[in-house]
């Protein structure tokens, strides 16, 4: 069974950086697109970034383009989210999940219902 464990969330200052990690286990997890998502209090979960099974394909939420970078290490079954120039509005619980049907990020990669095997999340708080 596929399982994801997120880590790396903490309190950060505006303008600072954090790197989140998503450790995956399970059958052939490296063969599918993986997404990072976030959910702020009182808000719906939104997709932040997606990476195809081969690192060449990535997609980002407009508000994080140029600030966040998604990457994956298939040998270690880990996906990272490098977050730079953090803003208070980046405060949320961050999750990773797998698109179990496609190896590449879809055109509509931002639809959260396309993903499975959600982890428990890691809290990111951006505040001075």
Foldseek 3Di string as FASTA:
>chain_A
DKAKAKDWADEAAQQAKTKMKIQIDDDPQLQFKKWKWWDDPPGDIWTAKIAASDRPAMDGDPVQPPFWDWDDDVVRRMIMIIGGNDDQVVWGWMKMFTQVPHRHQDPVNTDVVSTDRIHPTHTHGYHD
